[in-house]
N, C-alpha and C. Protein backbone atom coordinates (compact mmCIF):
# COMPACT_ATOMS: atom_id res chain seq x y z
N MET A 1 60.15 128.75 65.37
CA MET A 1 61.17 128.16 66.22
C MET A 1 61.68 129.25 67.18
N PRO A 2 61.88 128.89 68.45
CA PRO A 2 62.41 129.88 69.41
C PRO A 2 63.78 130.40 68.99
N LYS A 3 64.06 131.62 69.43
CA LYS A 3 65.30 132.29 69.04
C LYS A 3 66.54 131.50 69.47
N ALA A 4 66.51 130.92 70.66
CA ALA A 4 67.66 130.15 71.15
C ALA A 4 67.91 128.93 70.28
N MET A 5 66.84 128.28 69.83
CA MET A 5 67.00 127.11 68.97
C MET A 5 67.54 127.50 67.61
N GLU A 6 67.12 128.65 67.10
CA GLU A 6 67.64 129.11 65.81
C GLU A 6 69.14 129.35 65.91
N LYS A 7 69.57 129.96 67.02
CA LYS A 7 71.00 130.22 67.20
C LYS A 7 71.77 128.91 67.30
N ALA A 8 71.23 127.94 68.04
CA ALA A 8 71.89 126.63 68.15
C ALA A 8 71.97 125.95 66.79
N HIS A 9 70.90 126.05 66.02
CA HIS A 9 70.87 125.45 64.68
C HIS A 9 71.92 126.09 63.77
N ARG A 10 72.03 127.41 63.81
CA ARG A 10 73.05 128.10 63.01
C ARG A 10 74.46 127.66 63.41
N THR A 11 74.68 127.55 64.71
CA THR A 11 76.00 127.15 65.20
C THR A 11 76.35 125.75 64.74
N ILE A 12 75.40 124.83 64.84
CA ILE A 12 75.64 123.45 64.39
C ILE A 12 75.90 123.42 62.89
N ARG A 13 75.12 124.15 62.11
CA ARG A 13 75.35 124.18 60.66
C ARG A 13 76.71 124.77 60.33
N LYS A 14 77.10 125.81 61.04
CA LYS A 14 78.36 126.49 60.77
C LYS A 14 79.55 125.57 61.06
N HIS A 15 79.46 124.75 62.10
CA HIS A 15 80.58 123.90 62.52
C HIS A 15 80.30 122.42 62.28
N PHE A 16 79.45 122.12 61.32
CA PHE A 16 79.01 120.74 61.10
C PHE A 16 80.18 119.80 60.81
N ASP A 17 81.08 120.19 59.91
CA ASP A 17 82.21 119.32 59.56
C ASP A 17 83.08 119.03 60.78
N GLU A 18 83.33 120.05 61.59
CA GLU A 18 84.16 119.86 62.78
C GLU A 18 83.47 118.94 63.78
N ILE A 19 82.16 119.06 63.91
CA ILE A 19 81.41 118.20 64.83
C ILE A 19 81.49 116.75 64.38
N ILE A 20 81.29 116.51 63.08
CA ILE A 20 81.38 115.15 62.54
C ILE A 20 82.78 114.59 62.73
N ASN A 21 83.81 115.40 62.46
CA ASN A 21 85.19 114.94 62.63
C ASN A 21 85.48 114.56 64.08
N SER A 22 84.89 115.28 65.02
CA SER A 22 85.14 114.95 66.43
C SER A 22 84.59 113.57 66.78
N PHE A 23 83.49 113.17 66.14
CA PHE A 23 82.95 111.83 66.38
C PHE A 23 83.75 110.76 65.64
N ILE A 24 84.23 111.08 64.44
CA ILE A 24 84.98 110.11 63.65
C ILE A 24 86.34 109.83 64.26
N TYR A 25 87.09 110.88 64.58
CA TYR A 25 88.48 110.72 65.01
C TYR A 25 88.66 110.66 66.52
N GLY A 26 87.78 111.24 67.27
CA GLY A 26 87.82 111.15 68.72
C GLY A 26 88.96 111.90 69.40
N PHE A 27 89.64 112.77 68.67
CA PHE A 27 90.70 113.56 69.29
C PHE A 27 90.10 114.61 70.21
N SER A 28 90.84 114.92 71.25
CA SER A 28 90.39 115.94 72.19
C SER A 28 91.59 116.74 72.66
N ASN A 29 91.40 118.02 72.86
CA ASN A 29 92.48 118.83 73.42
C ASN A 29 92.33 118.95 74.93
N GLY A 30 91.52 118.09 75.52
CA GLY A 30 91.32 118.09 76.96
C GLY A 30 92.59 117.89 77.77
N PRO A 31 93.45 116.90 77.41
CA PRO A 31 94.69 116.73 78.17
C PRO A 31 95.59 117.97 78.13
N ILE A 32 95.66 118.63 76.98
CA ILE A 32 96.49 119.83 76.87
C ILE A 32 95.89 120.96 77.70
N GLU A 33 94.57 121.09 77.67
CA GLU A 33 93.92 122.11 78.48
C GLU A 33 94.17 121.86 79.97
N GLY A 34 94.16 120.58 80.37
CA GLY A 34 94.46 120.25 81.76
C GLY A 34 95.88 120.63 82.14
N SER A 35 96.81 120.39 81.21
CA SER A 35 98.21 120.76 81.46
C SER A 35 98.35 122.27 81.58
N ASN A 36 97.69 122.99 80.69
CA ASN A 36 97.73 124.46 80.75
C ASN A 36 97.18 124.95 82.09
N ASN A 37 96.10 124.34 82.55
CA ASN A 37 95.50 124.74 83.82
C ASN A 37 96.47 124.47 84.97
N LYS A 38 97.16 123.33 84.92
CA LYS A 38 98.13 122.99 85.97
C LYS A 38 99.27 124.01 85.99
N ILE A 39 99.76 124.39 84.81
CA ILE A 39 100.85 125.37 84.73
C ILE A 39 100.37 126.73 85.26
N LYS A 40 99.15 127.11 84.92
CA LYS A 40 98.61 128.38 85.43
C LYS A 40 98.48 128.36 86.95
N ALA A 41 98.11 127.21 87.51
CA ALA A 41 98.02 127.11 88.97
C ALA A 41 99.40 127.26 89.60
N ILE A 42 100.41 126.64 88.99
CA ILE A 42 101.79 126.79 89.48
C ILE A 42 102.21 128.25 89.37
N LYS A 43 101.84 128.88 88.27
CA LYS A 43 102.20 130.28 88.05
C LYS A 43 101.59 131.19 89.12
N ARG A 44 100.35 130.90 89.52
CA ARG A 44 99.70 131.71 90.56
C ARG A 44 100.43 131.60 91.89
N THR A 45 101.01 130.44 92.15
CA THR A 45 101.72 130.26 93.42
C THR A 45 103.21 130.54 93.31
N ALA A 46 103.67 130.95 92.13
CA ALA A 46 105.10 131.10 91.87
C ALA A 46 105.62 132.50 92.15
N TYR A 47 104.86 133.33 92.82
CA TYR A 47 105.32 134.70 93.06
C TYR A 47 106.59 134.73 93.90
N GLY A 48 106.81 133.73 94.74
CA GLY A 48 108.00 133.71 95.57
C GLY A 48 109.24 133.17 94.88
N PHE A 49 109.09 132.61 93.68
CA PHE A 49 110.25 132.07 92.98
C PHE A 49 111.16 133.20 92.55
N ARG A 50 112.45 133.00 92.73
CA ARG A 50 113.40 134.06 92.43
C ARG A 50 113.74 134.17 90.95
N SER A 51 113.55 133.09 90.22
CA SER A 51 113.95 133.14 88.81
C SER A 51 113.04 132.25 87.98
N PHE A 52 113.11 132.45 86.67
CA PHE A 52 112.36 131.61 85.75
C PHE A 52 112.84 130.17 85.84
N LYS A 53 114.12 129.98 86.11
CA LYS A 53 114.69 128.63 86.23
C LYS A 53 113.94 127.83 87.30
N ASN A 54 113.69 128.44 88.45
CA ASN A 54 112.96 127.76 89.52
C ASN A 54 111.52 127.45 89.11
N PHE A 55 110.89 128.38 88.42
CA PHE A 55 109.53 128.18 87.92
C PHE A 55 109.50 127.01 86.94
N ARG A 56 110.45 126.98 86.03
CA ARG A 56 110.55 125.90 85.03
C ARG A 56 110.77 124.56 85.72
N LEU A 57 111.65 124.52 86.70
CA LEU A 57 111.91 123.28 87.42
C LEU A 57 110.66 122.78 88.14
N ARG A 58 109.90 123.70 88.71
CA ARG A 58 108.65 123.31 89.40
C ARG A 58 107.67 122.68 88.41
N ILE A 59 107.58 123.23 87.21
CA ILE A 59 106.70 122.66 86.18
C ILE A 59 107.19 121.28 85.78
N LEU A 60 108.49 121.14 85.55
CA LEU A 60 109.04 119.84 85.15
C LEU A 60 108.83 118.79 86.23
N ILE A 61 108.97 119.18 87.49
CA ILE A 61 108.75 118.25 88.59
C ILE A 61 107.29 117.81 88.63
N SER A 62 106.38 118.73 88.40
CA SER A 62 104.96 118.38 88.48
C SER A 62 104.52 117.48 87.33
N PHE A 63 105.24 117.50 86.21
CA PHE A 63 104.92 116.64 85.07
C PHE A 63 105.90 115.47 84.95
N LYS A 64 106.57 115.13 86.03
CA LYS A 64 107.63 114.13 86.00
C LYS A 64 107.16 112.79 85.43
N ASN A 65 105.99 112.34 85.79
CA ASN A 65 105.50 111.03 85.36
C ASN A 65 104.45 111.12 84.27
N SER A 66 104.48 112.16 83.47
CA SER A 66 103.47 112.30 82.44
C SER A 66 104.10 112.13 81.07
N PHE A 67 103.32 112.37 80.04
CA PHE A 67 103.80 112.19 78.67
C PHE A 67 104.75 113.29 78.23
N TYR A 68 104.98 114.32 79.05
CA TYR A 68 105.91 115.38 78.70
C TYR A 68 107.36 115.00 78.96
N SER A 69 107.59 114.03 79.85
CA SER A 69 108.96 113.70 80.21
C SER A 69 109.57 112.71 79.24
């Protein structure tokens, strides 16, 4: 078996229970990762904010209509 396939096989065996659970329960951390990415984008543009309060308000405004409010 090629080396790459052996590595893939080991990885699947190592995380087999987690892989099966992902199919059974269907949970995903994708929405949270998207939120983290959005906050990081705000943070990159937040150099002009004078205080953490303004930064926090910008985050709250951007998530106004989401499940965080």
